[in-house]
């Protein structure tokens, strides 16, 4: 199983509440590694990004160490469009990822307005 096989998996929050389903991935624009999992919480068109490094998948489910409330309040993304440095930093801030560590550090070092993540291929 690879992360590309996660499309359609159910997503569970740390508080044992179902959040929605995996709708795709964003990969780093430079190295192509997964950066964000795109989750569709509910039946309507809204999509959110969850830090890929926080995700763990088993048997058609993905667990994330964030509460249902944190996930439901996440900034909306469009999985068909690329993310800019500023958009990613906003999503990072929502999850408490500062510019000194992890994805926040990688993105904050790129030029203003740069495309930092792009939609990843999906096998689902």
PDB file of N, CA and C in Angstrom:
ATOM      1  N   UNK A   1       0.842  -1.178   0.000  1.00  0.00           N
ATOM      2  CA  UNK A   1       0.000   0.000   0.000  1.00  0.00           C
ATOM      3  C   UNK A   1       0.889   1.243   0.000  1.00  0.00           C
ATOM      4  N   UNK A   2       0.589   2.208  -0.854  1.00  0.00           N
ATOM      5  CA  UNK A   2       1.284   3.485  -0.868  1.00  0.00           C
ATOM      6  C   UNK A   2       0.282   4.581  -0.545  1.00  0.00           C
ATOM      7  N   UNK A   3       0.798   5.772  -0.279  1.00  0.00           N
ATOM      8  CA  UNK A   3      -0.095   6.887   0.020  1.00  0.00           C
ATOM      9  C   UNK A   3      -1.028   7.206  -1.137  1.00  0.00           C
ATOM     10  N   UNK A   4      -0.652   6.840  -2.360  1.00  0.00           N
ATOM     11  CA  UNK A   4      -1.536   7.077  -3.492  1.00  0.00           C
ATOM     12  C   UNK A   4      -2.774   6.187  -3.436  1.00  0.00           C
ATOM     13  N   UNK A   5      -2.706   5.107  -2.676  1.00  0.00           N
ATOM     14  CA  UNK A   5      -3.846   4.210  -2.519  1.00  0.00           C
ATOM     15  C   UNK A   5      -4.833   4.688  -1.460  1.00  0.00           C
ATOM     16  N   UNK A   6      -4.545   5.782  -0.788  1.00  0.00           N
ATOM     17  CA  UNK A   6      -5.386   6.253   0.310  1.00  0.00           C
ATOM     18  C   UNK A   6      -6.657   6.946  -0.149  1.00  0.00           C
ATOM     19  N   UNK A   7      -6.778   7.318  -1.395  1.00  0.00           N
ATOM     20  CA  UNK A   7      -7.980   8.008  -1.872  1.00  0.00           C
ATOM     21  C   UNK A   7      -9.218   7.186  -1.532  1.00  0.00           C
ATOM     22  N   UNK A   8     -10.174   7.852  -0.889  1.00  0.00           N
ATOM     23  CA  UNK A   8     -11.410   7.189  -0.481  1.00  0.00           C
ATOM     24  C   UNK A   8     -11.385   6.633   0.932  1.00  0.00           C
ATOM     25  N   UNK A   9     -10.213   6.545   1.552  1.00  0.00           N
ATOM     26  CA  UNK A   9     -10.120   6.069   2.939  1.00  0.00           C
ATOM     27  C   UNK A   9     -10.882   7.022   3.867  1.00  0.00           C
ATOM     28  N   UNK A  10     -11.461   6.481   4.903  1.00  0.00           N
ATOM     29  CA  UNK A  10     -12.113   7.285   5.927  1.00  0.00           C
ATOM     30  C   UNK A  10     -11.036   7.890   6.824  1.00  0.00           C
ATOM     31  N   UNK A  11     -11.268   9.113   7.294  1.00  0.00           N
ATOM     32  CA  UNK A  11     -10.313   9.808   8.149  1.00  0.00           C
ATOM     33  C   UNK A  11     -10.900   9.947   9.545  1.00  0.00           C
ATOM     34  N   UNK A  12     -10.117   9.538  10.547  1.00  0.00           N
ATOM     35  CA  UNK A  12     -10.530   9.631  11.946  1.00  0.00           C
ATOM     36  C   UNK A  12      -9.638  10.607  12.683  1.00  0.00           C
ATOM     37  N   UNK A  13     -10.261  11.460  13.509  1.00  0.00           N
ATOM     38  CA  UNK A  13      -9.536  12.423  14.331  1.00  0.00           C
ATOM     39  C   UNK A  13      -9.060  11.757  15.613  1.00  0.00           C
ATOM     40  N   UNK A  14      -8.200  12.446  16.342  1.00  0.00           N
ATOM     41  CA  UNK A  14      -7.647  11.921  17.584  1.00  0.00           C
ATOM     42  C   UNK A  14      -8.733  11.653  18.635  1.00  0.00           C
ATOM     43  N   UNK A  15      -9.843  12.367  18.545  1.00  0.00           N
ATOM     44  CA  UNK A  15     -10.923  12.195  19.515  1.00  0.00           C
ATOM     45  C   UNK A  15     -11.940  11.149  19.050  1.00  0.00           C
ATOM     46  N   UNK A  16     -11.490  10.229  18.185  1.00  0.00           N
ATOM     47  CA  UNK A  16     -12.305   9.114  17.699  1.00  0.00           C
ATOM     48  C   UNK A  16     -13.552   9.530  16.938  1.00  0.00           C
ATOM     49  N   UNK A  17     -13.523  10.704  16.346  1.00  0.00           N
ATOM     50  CA  UNK A  17     -14.644  11.150  15.525  1.00  0.00           C
ATOM     51  C   UNK A  17     -14.245  11.041  14.060  1.00  0.00           C
ATOM     52  N   UNK A  18     -15.168  10.562  13.252  1.00  0.00           N
ATOM     53  CA  UNK A  18     -14.939  10.527  11.818  1.00  0.00           C
ATOM     54  C   UNK A  18     -14.964  11.937  11.265  1.00  0.00           C
ATOM     55  N   UNK A  19     -14.034  12.234  10.400  1.00  0.00           N
ATOM     56  CA  UNK A  19     -13.920  13.578   9.846  1.00  0.00           C
ATOM     57  C   UNK A  19     -14.431  13.646   8.416  1.00  0.00           C
ATOM     58  N   UNK A  20     -14.142  12.634   7.624  1.00  0.00           N
ATOM     59  CA  UNK A  20     -14.502  12.636   6.211  1.00  0.00           C
ATOM     60  C   UNK A  20     -13.703  11.569   5.500  1.00  0.00           C
ATOM     61  N   UNK A  21     -13.328  11.870   4.250  1.00  0.00           N
ATOM     62  CA  UNK A  21     -12.565  10.887   3.486  1.00  0.00           C
ATOM     63  C   UNK A  21     -11.406  11.553   2.766  1.00  0.00           C
ATOM     64  N   UNK A  22     -10.399  10.749   2.454  1.00  0.00           N
ATOM     65  CA  UNK A  22      -9.237  11.242   1.720  1.00  0.00           C
ATOM     66  C   UNK A  22      -9.662  11.500   0.275  1.00  0.00           C
ATOM     67  N   UNK A  23      -9.334  12.699  -0.193  1.00  0.00           N
ATOM     68  CA  UNK A  23      -9.724  13.080  -1.547  1.00  0.00           C
ATOM     69  C   UNK A  23      -8.517  13.273  -2.461  1.00  0.00           C
ATOM     70  N   UNK A  24      -7.310  13.191  -1.911  1.00  0.00           N
ATOM     71  CA  UNK A  24      -6.116  13.352  -2.734  1.00  0.00           C
ATOM     72  C   UNK A  24      -4.928  13.766  -1.902  1.00  0.00           C
ATOM     73  N   UNK A  25      -3.891  14.207  -2.601  1.00  0.00           N
ATOM     74  CA  UNK A  25      -2.649  14.645  -1.962  1.00  0.00           C
ATOM     75  C   UNK A  25      -2.144  15.910  -2.632  1.00  0.00           C
ATOM     76  N   UNK A  26      -1.379  16.684  -1.866  1.00  0.00           N
ATOM     77  CA  UNK A  26      -0.523  17.718  -2.437  1.00  0.00           C
ATOM     78  C   UNK A  26       0.887  17.228  -2.236  1.00  0.00           C
ATOM     79  N   UNK A  27       1.710  17.357  -3.263  1.00  0.00           N
ATOM     80  CA  UNK A  27       3.118  16.977  -3.164  1.00  0.00           C
ATOM     81  C   UNK A  27       3.979  18.232  -3.271  1.00  0.00           C
ATOM     82  N   UNK A  28       5.163  18.159  -2.695  1.00  0.00           N
ATOM     83  CA  UNK A  28       6.089  19.276  -2.758  1.00  0.00           C
ATOM     84  C   UNK A  28       6.397  19.596  -4.219  1.00  0.00           C
ATOM     85  N   UNK A  29       6.365  20.874  -4.562  1.00  0.00           N
ATOM     86  CA  UNK A  29       6.585  21.295  -5.951  1.00  0.00           C
ATOM     87  C   UNK A  29       8.023  21.052  -6.407  1.00  0.00           C
ATOM     88  N   UNK A  30       8.952  20.939  -5.475  1.00  0.00           N
ATOM     89  CA  UNK A  30      10.354  20.730  -5.860  1.00  0.00           C
ATOM     90  C   UNK A  30      10.751  19.259  -5.900  1.00  0.00           C
ATOM     91  N   UNK A  31      10.391  18.498  -4.865  1.00  0.00           N
ATOM     92  CA  UNK A  31      10.875  17.111  -4.818  1.00  0.00           C
ATOM     93  C   UNK A  31       9.798  16.044  -5.041  1.00  0.00           C
ATOM     94  N   UNK A  32       8.524  16.448  -5.111  1.00  0.00           N
ATOM     95  CA  UNK A  32       7.445  15.510  -5.396  1.00  0.00           C
ATOM     96  C   UNK A  32       7.024  14.625  -4.243  1.00  0.00           C
ATOM     97  N   UNK A  33       7.591  14.823  -3.055  1.00  0.00           N
ATOM     98  CA  UNK A  33       7.200  14.025  -1.897  1.00  0.00           C
ATOM     99  C   UNK A  33       5.865  14.522  -1.339  1.00  0.00           C
ATOM    100  N   UNK A  34       5.032  13.628  -0.809  1.00  0.00           N
ATOM    101  CA  UNK A  34       3.747  14.054  -0.233  1.00  0.00           C
ATOM    102  C   UNK A  34       3.952  15.095   0.875  1.00  0.00           C
ATOM    103  N   UNK A  35       3.166  16.160   0.815  1.00  0.00           N
ATOM    104  CA  UNK A  35       3.247  17.228   1.810  1.00  0.00           C
ATOM    105  C   UNK A  35       1.946  17.345   2.601  1.00  0.00           C
ATOM    106  N   UNK A  36       0.822  17.206   1.928  1.00  0.00           N
ATOM    107  CA  UNK A  36      -0.491  17.371   2.549  1.00  0.00           C
ATOM    108  C   UNK A  36      -1.445  16.295   2.043  1.00  0.00           C
ATOM    109  N   UNK A  37      -2.260  15.799   2.923  1.00  0.00           N
ATOM    110  CA  UNK A  37      -3.359  14.916   2.545  1.00  0.00           C
ATOM    111  C   UNK A  37      -4.589  15.814   2.425  1.00  0.00           C
ATOM    112  N   UNK A  38      -5.327  15.673   1.343  1.00  0.00           N
ATOM    113  CA  UNK A  38      -6.543  16.464   1.147  1.00  0.00           C
ATOM    114  C   UNK A  38      -7.720  15.639   1.657  1.00  0.00           C
ATOM    115  N   UNK A  39      -8.489  16.244   2.555  1.00  0.00           N
ATOM    116  CA  UNK A  39      -9.635  15.579   3.173  1.00  0.00           C
ATOM    117  C   UNK A  39     -10.901  16.336   2.815  1.00  0.00           C
ATOM    118  N   UNK A  40     -11.922  15.591   2.466  1.00  0.00           N
ATOM    119  CA  UNK A  40     -13.229  16.175   2.205  1.00  0.00           C
ATOM    120  C   UNK A  40     -14.120  15.836   3.398  1.00  0.00           C
ATOM    121  N   UNK A  41     -14.313  16.826   4.307  1.00  0.00           N
ATOM    122  CA  UNK A  41     -15.142  16.570   5.482  1.00  0.00           C
ATOM    123  C   UNK A  41     -16.618  16.775   5.149  1.00  0.00           C
ATOM    124  N   UNK A  42     -17.344  15.709   5.004  1.00  0.00           N
ATOM    125  CA  UNK A  42     -18.756  15.815   4.667  1.00  0.00           C
ATOM    126  C   UNK A  42     -19.009  15.656   3.187  1.00  0.00           C
ATOM    127  N   UNK A  43     -20.253  15.871   2.803  1.00  0.00           N
ATOM    128  CA  UNK A  43     -20.663  15.636   1.414  1.00  0.00           C
ATOM    129  C   UNK A  43     -20.517  16.844   0.513  1.00  0.00           C
ATOM    130  N   UNK A  44     -20.287  17.991   1.077  1.00  0.00           N
ATOM    131  CA  UNK A  44     -20.266  19.199   0.273  1.00  0.00           C
ATOM    132  C   UNK A  44     -18.863  19.496  -0.225  1.00  0.00           C
ATOM    133  N   UNK A  45     -18.689  20.422  -1.138  1.00  0.00           N
ATOM    134  CA  UNK A  45     -17.459  20.639  -1.873  1.00  0.00           C
ATOM    135  C   UNK A  45     -16.232  21.082  -1.123  1.00  0.00           C
ATOM    136  N   UNK A  46     -16.333  21.377   0.146  1.00  0.00           N
ATOM    137  CA  UNK A  46     -15.216  21.881   0.937  1.00  0.00           C
ATOM    138  C   UNK A  46     -14.111  20.834   1.081  1.00  0.00           C
ATOM    139  N   UNK A  47     -12.847  21.270   0.966  1.00  0.00           N
ATOM    140  CA  UNK A  47     -11.704  20.374   1.149  1.00  0.00           C
ATOM    141  C   UNK A  47     -10.678  21.068   2.043  1.00  0.00           C
ATOM    142  N   UNK A  48      -9.991  20.279   2.862  1.00  0.00           N
ATOM    143  CA  UNK A  48      -8.969  20.809   3.746  1.00  0.00           C
ATOM    144  C   UNK A  48      -7.678  20.022   3.548  1.00  0.00           C
ATOM    145  N   UNK A  49      -6.575  20.624   3.950  1.00  0.00           N
ATOM    146  CA  UNK A  49      -5.281  19.942   3.897  1.00  0.00           C
ATOM    147  C   UNK A  49      -4.866  19.573   5.315  1.00  0.00           C
ATOM    148  N   UNK A  50      -4.329  18.368   5.458  1.00  0.00           N
ATOM    149  CA  UNK A  50      -3.826  17.875   6.738  1.00  0.00           C
ATOM    150  C   UNK A  50      -2.354  17.524   6.528  1.00  0.00           C
ATOM    151  N   UNK A  51      -1.472  17.906   7.464  1.00  0.00           N
ATOM    152  CA  UNK A  51      -0.047  17.588   7.281  1.00  0.00           C
ATOM    153  C   UNK A  51       0.151  16.090   7.035  1.00  0.00           C
ATOM    154  N   UNK A  52       0.753  15.760   5.913  1.00  0.00           N
ATOM    155  CA  UNK A  52       0.941  14.355   5.559  1.00  0.00           C
ATOM    156  C   UNK A  52       1.793  13.623   6.583  1.00  0.00           C
ATOM    157  N   UNK A  53       2.778  14.300   7.128  1.00  0.00           N
ATOM    158  CA  UNK A  53       3.664  13.656   8.097  1.00  0.00           C
ATOM    159  C   UNK A  53       2.936  13.258   9.380  1.00  0.00           C
ATOM    160  N   UNK A  54       1.750  13.805   9.603  1.00  0.00           N
ATOM    161  CA  UNK A  54       0.952  13.475  10.796  1.00  0.00           C
ATOM    162  C   UNK A  54       0.028  12.275  10.584  1.00  0.00           C
ATOM    163  N   UNK A  55      -0.048  11.746   9.385  1.00  0.00           N
ATOM    164  CA  UNK A  55      -1.048  10.733   9.041  1.00  0.00           C
ATOM    165  C   UNK A  55      -0.509   9.307   9.165  1.00  0.00           C
ATOM    166  N   UNK A  56      -1.391   8.410   9.570  1.00  0.00           N
ATOM    167  CA  UNK A  56      -1.064   6.981   9.623  1.00  0.00           C
ATOM    168  C   UNK A  56      -2.250   6.212   9.056  1.00  0.00           C
ATOM    169  N   UNK A  57      -2.005   5.325   8.106  1.00  0.00           N
ATOM    170  CA  UNK A  57      -3.082   4.586   7.455  1.00  0.00           C
ATOM    171  C   UNK A  57      -3.014   3.103   7.779  1.00  0.00           C
ATOM    172  N   UNK A  58      -4.194   2.523   8.023  1.00  0.00           N
ATOM    173  CA  UNK A  58      -4.355   1.077   8.197  1.00  0.00           C
ATOM    174  C   UNK A  58      -5.752   0.688   7.739  1.00  0.00           C
ATOM    175  N   UNK A  59      -5.870  -0.398   7.045  1.00  0.00           N
ATOM    176  CA  UNK A  59      -7.142  -1.019   6.667  1.00  0.00           C
ATOM    177  C   UNK A  59      -8.233  -0.002   6.294  1.00  0.00           C
ATOM    178  N   UNK A  60      -8.033   0.698   5.219  1.00  0.00           N
ATOM    179  CA  UNK A  60      -9.021   1.634   4.667  1.00  0.00           C
ATOM    180  C   UNK A  60      -9.353   2.824   5.566  1.00  0.00           C
ATOM    181  N   UNK A  61      -8.485   3.143   6.521  1.00  0.00           N
ATOM    182  CA  UNK A  61      -8.706   4.276   7.418  1.00  0.00           C
ATOM    183  C   UNK A  61      -7.389   5.029   7.596  1.00  0.00           C
ATOM    184  N   UNK A  62      -7.514   6.328   7.790  1.00  0.00           N
ATOM    185  CA  UNK A  62      -6.359   7.157   8.092  1.00  0.00           C
ATOM    186  C   UNK A  62      -6.632   7.850   9.423  1.00  0.00           C
ATOM    187  N   UNK A  63      -5.658   7.780  10.303  1.00  0.00           N
ATOM    188  CA  UNK A  63      -5.760   8.439  11.601  1.00  0.00           C
ATOM    189  C   UNK A  63      -4.895   9.683  11.578  1.00  0.00           C
ATOM    190  N   UNK A  64      -5.416  10.778  12.144  1.00  0.00           N
ATOM    191  CA  UNK A  64      -4.649  12.016  12.255  1.00  0.00           C
ATOM    192  C   UNK A  64      -4.687  12.501  13.701  1.00  0.00           C
ATOM    193  N   UNK A  65      -3.575  13.040  14.219  1.00  0.00           N
ATOM    194  CA  UNK A  65      -3.508  13.455  15.612  1.00  0.00           C
ATOM    195  C   UNK A  65      -4.038  14.867  15.860  1.00  0.00           C
ATOM    196  N   UNK A  66      -5.160  15.171  15.257  1.00  0.00           N
ATOM    197  CA  UNK A  66      -5.809  16.469  15.437  1.00  0.00           C
ATOM    198  C   UNK A  66      -7.257  16.211  15.807  1.00  0.00           C
ATOM    199  N   UNK A  67      -7.843  17.118  16.573  1.00  0.00           N
ATOM    200  CA  UNK A  67      -9.235  16.944  16.982  1.00  0.00           C
ATOM    201  C   UNK A  67     -10.175  17.264  15.819  1.00  0.00           C
ATOM    202  N   UNK A  68     -11.380  16.775  15.949  1.00  0.00           N
ATOM    203  CA  UNK A  68     -12.428  17.038  14.961  1.00  0.00           C
ATOM    204  C   UNK A  68     -12.608  18.535  14.782  1.00  0.00           C
ATOM    205  N   UNK A  69     -12.614  19.270  15.878  1.00  0.00           N
ATOM    206  CA  UNK A  69     -12.806  20.736  15.799  1.00  0.00           C
ATOM    207  C   UNK A  69     -11.676  21.419  15.041  1.00  0.00           C
ATOM    208  N   UNK A  70     -10.445  21.017  15.299  1.00  0.00           N
ATOM    209  CA  UNK A  70      -9.302  21.611  14.596  1.00  0.00           C
ATOM    210  C   UNK A  70      -9.417  21.330  13.100  1.00  0.00           C
ATOM    211  N   UNK A  71      -9.753  20.112  12.755  1.00  0.00           N
ATOM    212  CA  UNK A  71      -9.870  19.750  11.342  1.00  0.00           C
ATOM    213  C   UNK A  71     -11.021  20.480  10.662  1.00  0.00           C
ATOM    214  N   UNK A  72     -12.152  20.578  11.325  1.00  0.00           N
ATOM    215  CA  UNK A  72     -13.302  21.259  10.730  1.00  0.00           C
ATOM    216  C   UNK A  72     -13.059  22.751  10.532  1.00  0.00           C
ATOM    217  N   UNK A  73     -12.152  23.327  11.337  1.00  0.00           N
ATOM    218  CA  UNK A  73     -11.864  24.760  11.235  1.00  0.00           C
ATOM    219  C   UNK A  73     -10.682  25.060  10.304  1.00  0.00           C
ATOM    220  N   UNK A  74     -10.109  24.043   9.692  1.00  0.00           N
ATOM    221  CA  UNK A  74      -8.943  24.223   8.828  1.00  0.00           C
ATOM    222  C   UNK A  74      -9.289  25.070   7.605  1.00  0.00           C
ATOM    223  N   UNK A  75      -8.314  25.829   7.111  1.00  0.00           N
ATOM    224  CA  UNK A  75      -8.544  26.617   5.895  1.00  0.00           C
ATOM    225  C   UNK A  75      -8.916  25.718   4.712  1.00  0.00           C
ATOM    226  N   UNK A  76      -9.777  26.215   3.876  1.00  0.00           N
ATOM    227  CA  UNK A  76     -10.228  25.478   2.697  1.00  0.00           C
ATOM    228  C   UNK A  76      -9.151  25.536   1.618  1.00  0.00           C
ATOM    229  N   UNK A  77      -8.953  24.405   0.930  1.00  0.00           N
ATOM    230  CA  UNK A  77      -8.030  24.327  -0.204  1.00  0.00           C
ATOM    231  C   UNK A  77      -8.793  23.754  -1.396  1.00  0.00           C
ATOM    232  N   UNK A  78      -8.201  23.875  -2.560  1.00  0.00           N
ATOM    233  CA  UNK A  78      -8.762  23.297  -3.786  1.00  0.00           C
ATOM    234  C   UNK A  78      -7.743  22.301  -4.302  1.00  0.00           C
ATOM    235  N   UNK A  79      -8.061  21.005  -4.234  1.00  0.00           N
ATOM    236  CA  UNK A  79      -7.076  19.981  -4.588  1.00  0.00           C
ATOM    237  C   UNK A  79      -6.688  19.995  -6.058  1.00  0.00           C
ATOM    238  N   UNK A  80      -7.402  20.748  -6.871  1.00  0.00           N
ATOM    239  CA  UNK A  80      -7.072  20.837  -8.292  1.00  0.00           C
ATOM    240  C   UNK A  80      -6.104  21.987  -8.591  1.00  0.00           C
ATOM    241  N   UNK A  81      -5.811  22.811  -7.583  1.00  0.00           N
ATOM    242  CA  UNK A  81      -4.952  23.977  -7.800  1.00  0.00           C
ATOM    243  C   UNK A  81      -3.676  23.877  -6.976  1.00  0.00           C
ATOM    244  N   UNK A  82      -2.643  24.489  -7.447  1.00  0.00           N
ATOM    245  CA  UNK A  82      -1.375  24.513  -6.731  1.00  0.00           C
ATOM    246  C   UNK A  82      -1.470  25.427  -5.505  1.00  0.00           C
ATOM    247  N   UNK A  83      -0.650  25.143  -4.503  1.00  0.00           N
ATOM    248  CA  UNK A  83      -0.587  25.984  -3.308  1.00  0.00           C
ATOM    249  C   UNK A  83       0.633  26.891  -3.393  1.00  0.00           C
ATOM    250  N   UNK A  84       0.445  28.130  -2.978  1.00  0.00           N
ATOM    251  CA  UNK A  84       1.557  29.067  -2.922  1.00  0.00           C
ATOM    252  C   UNK A  84       2.177  29.055  -1.529  1.00  0.00           C
ATOM    253  N   UNK A  85       3.314  29.669  -1.435  1.00  0.00           N
ATOM    254  CA  UNK A  85       4.014  29.797  -0.151  1.00  0.00           C
ATOM    255  C   UNK A  85       3.075  30.386   0.904  1.00  0.00           C
ATOM    256  N   UNK A  86       2.364  31.444   0.561  1.00  0.00           N
ATOM    257  CA  UNK A  86       1.500  32.126   1.517  1.00  0.00           C
ATOM    258  C   UNK A  86       0.326  31.244   1.954  1.00  0.00           C
ATOM    259  N   UNK A  87      -0.266  30.508   1.012  1.00  0.00           N
ATOM    260  CA  UNK A  87      -1.361  29.595   1.366  1.00  0.00           C
ATOM    261  C   UNK A  87      -0.867  28.497   2.299  1.00  0.00           C
ATOM    262  N   UNK A  88       0.278  27.921   1.983  1.00  0.00           N
ATOM    263  CA  UNK A  88       0.812  26.854   2.833  1.00  0.00           C
ATOM    264  C   UNK A  88       1.163  27.360   4.218  1.00  0.00           C
ATOM    265  N   UNK A  89       1.737  28.539   4.299  1.00  0.00           N
ATOM    266  CA  UNK A  89       2.074  29.076   5.618  1.00  0.00           C
ATOM    267  C   UNK A  89       0.816  29.310   6.454  1.00  0.00           C
ATOM    268  N   UNK A  90      -0.293  29.692   5.809  1.00  0.00           N
ATOM    269  CA  UNK A  90      -1.556  29.863   6.518  1.00  0.00           C
ATOM    270  C   UNK A  90      -2.052  28.511   7.051  1.00  0.00           C
ATOM    271  N   UNK A  91      -1.966  27.465   6.233  1.00  0.00           N
ATOM    272  CA  UNK A  91      -2.391  26.131   6.673  1.00  0.00           C
ATOM    273  C   UNK A  91      -1.451  25.638   7.775  1.00  0.00           C
ATOM    274  N   UNK A  92      -0.152  25.843   7.610  1.00  0.00           N
ATOM    275  CA  UNK A  92       0.807  25.457   8.653  1.00  0.00           C
ATOM    276  C   UNK A  92       0.453  26.135   9.977  1.00  0.00           C
ATOM    277  N   UNK A  93       0.184  27.423   9.933  1.00  0.00           N
ATOM    278  CA  UNK A  93      -0.146  28.168  11.151  1.00  0.00           C
ATOM    279  C   UNK A  93      -1.375  27.593  11.832  1.00  0.00           C
ATOM    280  N   UNK A  94      -2.357  27.170  11.047  1.00  0.00           N
ATOM    281  CA  UNK A  94      -3.564  26.578  11.633  1.00  0.00           C
ATOM    282  C   UNK A  94      -3.231  25.353  12.485  1.00  0.00           C
ATOM    283  N   UNK A  95      -2.269  24.565  12.037  1.00  0.00           N
ATOM    284  CA  UNK A  95      -1.874  23.358  12.766  1.00  0.00           C
ATOM    285  C   UNK A  95      -0.735  23.605  13.760  1.00  0.00           C
ATOM    286  N   UNK A  96      -0.352  24.855  13.949  1.00  0.00           N
ATOM    287  CA  UNK A  96       0.705  25.178  14.902  1.00  0.00           C
ATOM    288  C   UNK A  96       2.104  24.846  14.415  1.00  0.00           C
ATOM    289  N   UNK A  97       2.263  24.768  13.093  1.00  0.00           N
ATOM    290  CA  UNK A  97       3.573  24.484  12.502  1.00  0.00           C
ATOM    291  C   UNK A  97       4.224  25.821  12.161  1.00  0.00           C
ATOM    292  N   UNK A  98       5.211  26.199  12.960  1.00  0.00           N
ATOM    293  CA  UNK A  98       5.886  27.478  12.756  1.00  0.00           C
ATOM    294  C   UNK A  98       6.921  27.422  11.656  1.00  0.00           C
ATOM    295  N   UNK A  99       7.460  28.583  11.290  1.00  0.00           N
ATOM    296  CA  UNK A  99       8.444  28.654  10.207  1.00  0.00           C
ATOM    297  C   UNK A  99       9.816  28.113  10.585  1.00  0.00           C
ATOM    298  N   UNK A 100       9.958  27.613  11.805  1.00  0.00           N
ATOM    299  CA  UNK A 100      11.258  27.106  12.241  1.00  0.00           C
ATOM    300  C   UNK A 100      11.356  25.591  12.197  1.00  0.00           C
ATOM    301  N   UNK A 101      10.263  24.881  11.814  1.00  0.00           N
ATOM    302  CA  UNK A 101      10.352  23.422  11.825  1.00  0.00           C
ATOM    303  C   UNK A 101       9.508  22.794  10.714  1.00  0.00           C
ATOM    304  N   UNK A 102       9.893  21.607  10.318  1.00  0.00           N
ATOM    305  CA  UNK A 102       9.119  20.803   9.374  1.00  0.00           C
ATOM    306  C   UNK A 102       8.733  21.526   8.103  1.00  0.00           C
ATOM    307  N   UNK A 103       7.494  21.312   7.707  1.00  0.00           N
ATOM    308  CA  UNK A 103       6.993  21.904   6.468  1.00  0.00           C
ATOM    309  C   UNK A 103       7.040  23.423   6.515  1.00  0.00           C
ATOM    310  N   UNK A 104       6.782  23.993   7.674  1.00  0.00           N
ATOM    311  CA  UNK A 104       6.837  25.444   7.811  1.00  0.00           C
ATOM    312  C   UNK A 104       8.202  25.992   7.448  1.00  0.00           C
ATOM    313  N   UNK A 105       9.256  25.320   7.902  1.00  0.00           N
ATOM    314  CA  UNK A 105      10.616  25.757   7.594  1.00  0.00           C
ATOM    315  C   UNK A 105      10.917  25.608   6.104  1.00  0.00           C
ATOM    316  N   UNK A 106      10.508  24.497   5.528  1.00  0.00           N
ATOM    317  CA  UNK A 106      10.762  24.258   4.106  1.00  0.00           C
ATOM    318  C   UNK A 106      10.078  25.307   3.236  1.00  0.00           C
ATOM    319  N   UNK A 107       8.851  25.645   3.578  1.00  0.00           N
ATOM    320  CA  UNK A 107       8.066  26.579   2.773  1.00  0.00           C
ATOM    321  C   UNK A 107       8.506  28.022   3.009  1.00  0.00           C
ATOM    322  N   UNK A 108       8.786  28.384   4.242  1.00  0.00           N
ATOM    323  CA  UNK A 108       9.118  29.781   4.549  1.00  0.00           C
ATOM    324  C   UNK A 108      10.415  30.235   3.880  1.00  0.00           C
ATOM    325  N   UNK A 109      11.279  29.308   3.512  1.00  0.00           N
ATOM    326  CA  UNK A 109      12.546  29.656   2.866  1.00  0.00           C
ATOM    327  C   UNK A 109      12.394  29.912   1.362  1.00  0.00           C
ATOM    328  N   UNK A 110      11.222  29.641   0.836  1.00  0.00           N
ATOM    329  CA  UNK A 110      11.012  29.843  -0.613  1.00  0.00           C
ATOM    330  C   UNK A 110      10.547  31.274  -0.880  1.00  0.00           C
ATOM    331  N   UNK A 111      10.701  31.746  -2.116  1.00  0.00           N
ATOM    332  CA  UNK A 111      10.354  33.134  -2.433  1.00  0.00           C
ATOM    333  C   UNK A 111       8.857  33.427  -2.270  1.00  0.00           C
ATOM    334  N   UNK A 112       8.552  34.670  -1.941  1.00  0.00           N
ATOM    335  CA  UNK A 112       7.164  35.126  -1.843  1.00  0.00           C
ATOM    336  C   UNK A 112       6.441  34.822  -3.153  1.00  0.00           C
ATOM    337  N   UNK A 113       5.250  34.261  -3.057  1.00  0.00           N
ATOM    338  CA  UNK A 113       4.438  33.942  -4.235  1.00  0.00           C
ATOM    339  C   UNK A 113       4.798  32.646  -4.933  1.00  0.00           C
ATOM    340  N   UNK A 114       5.842  31.973  -4.466  1.00  0.00           N
ATOM    341  CA  UNK A 114       6.277  30.731  -5.117  1.00  0.00           C
ATOM    342  C   UNK A 114       5.225  29.637  -4.957  1.00  0.00           C
ATOM    343  N   UNK A 115       5.105  28.797  -5.978  1.00  0.00           N
ATOM    344  CA  UNK A 115       4.280  27.596  -5.881  1.00  0.00           C
ATOM    345  C   UNK A 115       5.093  26.587  -5.088  1.00  0.00           C
ATOM    346  N   UNK A 116       4.533  26.111  -3.980  1.00  0.00           N
ATOM    347  CA  UNK A 116       5.275  25.219  -3.091  1.00  0.00           C
ATOM    348  C   UNK A 116       4.729  23.799  -3.080  1.00  0.00           C
ATOM    349  N   UNK A 117       3.482  23.624  -3.493  1.00  0.00           N
ATOM    350  CA  UNK A 117       2.894  22.282  -3.548  1.00  0.00           C
ATOM    351  C   UNK A 117       1.938  22.214  -4.727  1.00  0.00           C
ATOM    352  N   UNK A 118       1.853  21.017  -5.291  1.00  0.00           N
ATOM    353  CA  UNK A 118       0.952  20.812  -6.436  1.00  0.00           C
ATOM    354  C   UNK A 118       0.121  19.551  -6.188  1.00  0.00           C
ATOM    355  N   UNK A 119      -1.020  19.465  -6.868  1.00  0.00           N
ATOM    356  CA  UNK A 119      -1.822  18.252  -6.701  1.00  0.00           C
ATOM    357  C   UNK A 119      -1.014  17.019  -7.096  1.00  0.00           C
ATOM    358  N   UNK A 120      -1.107  15.980  -6.290  1.00  0.00           N
ATOM    359  CA  UNK A 120      -0.402  14.744  -6.573  1.00  0.00           C
ATOM    360  C   UNK A 120      -1.260  13.812  -7.395  1.00  0.00           C
ATOM    361  N   UNK A 121      -0.607  12.874  -8.049  1.00  0.00           N
ATOM    362  CA  UNK A 121      -1.334  11.847  -8.804  1.00  0.00           C
ATOM    363  C   UNK A 121      -2.152  11.026  -7.829  1.00  0.00           C
ATOM    364  N   UNK A 122      -3.240  10.482  -8.297  1.00  0.00           N
ATOM    365  CA  UNK A 122      -4.082   9.651  -7.443  1.00  0.00           C
ATOM    366  C   UNK A 122      -4.460   8.388  -8.185  1.00  0.00           C
ATOM    367  N   UNK A 123      -4.410   7.284  -7.475  1.00  0.00           N
ATOM    368  CA  UNK A 123      -4.817   6.023  -8.097  1.00  0.00           C
ATOM    369  C   UNK A 123      -6.267   5.726  -7.794  1.00  0.00           C
ATOM    370  N   UNK A 124      -6.906   6.598  -6.992  1.00  0.00           N
ATOM    371  CA  UNK A 124      -8.295   6.387  -6.580  1.00  0.00           C
ATOM    372  C   UNK A 124      -9.144   7.136  -7.470  1.00  0.00           C
TER     373      UNK A 124
END
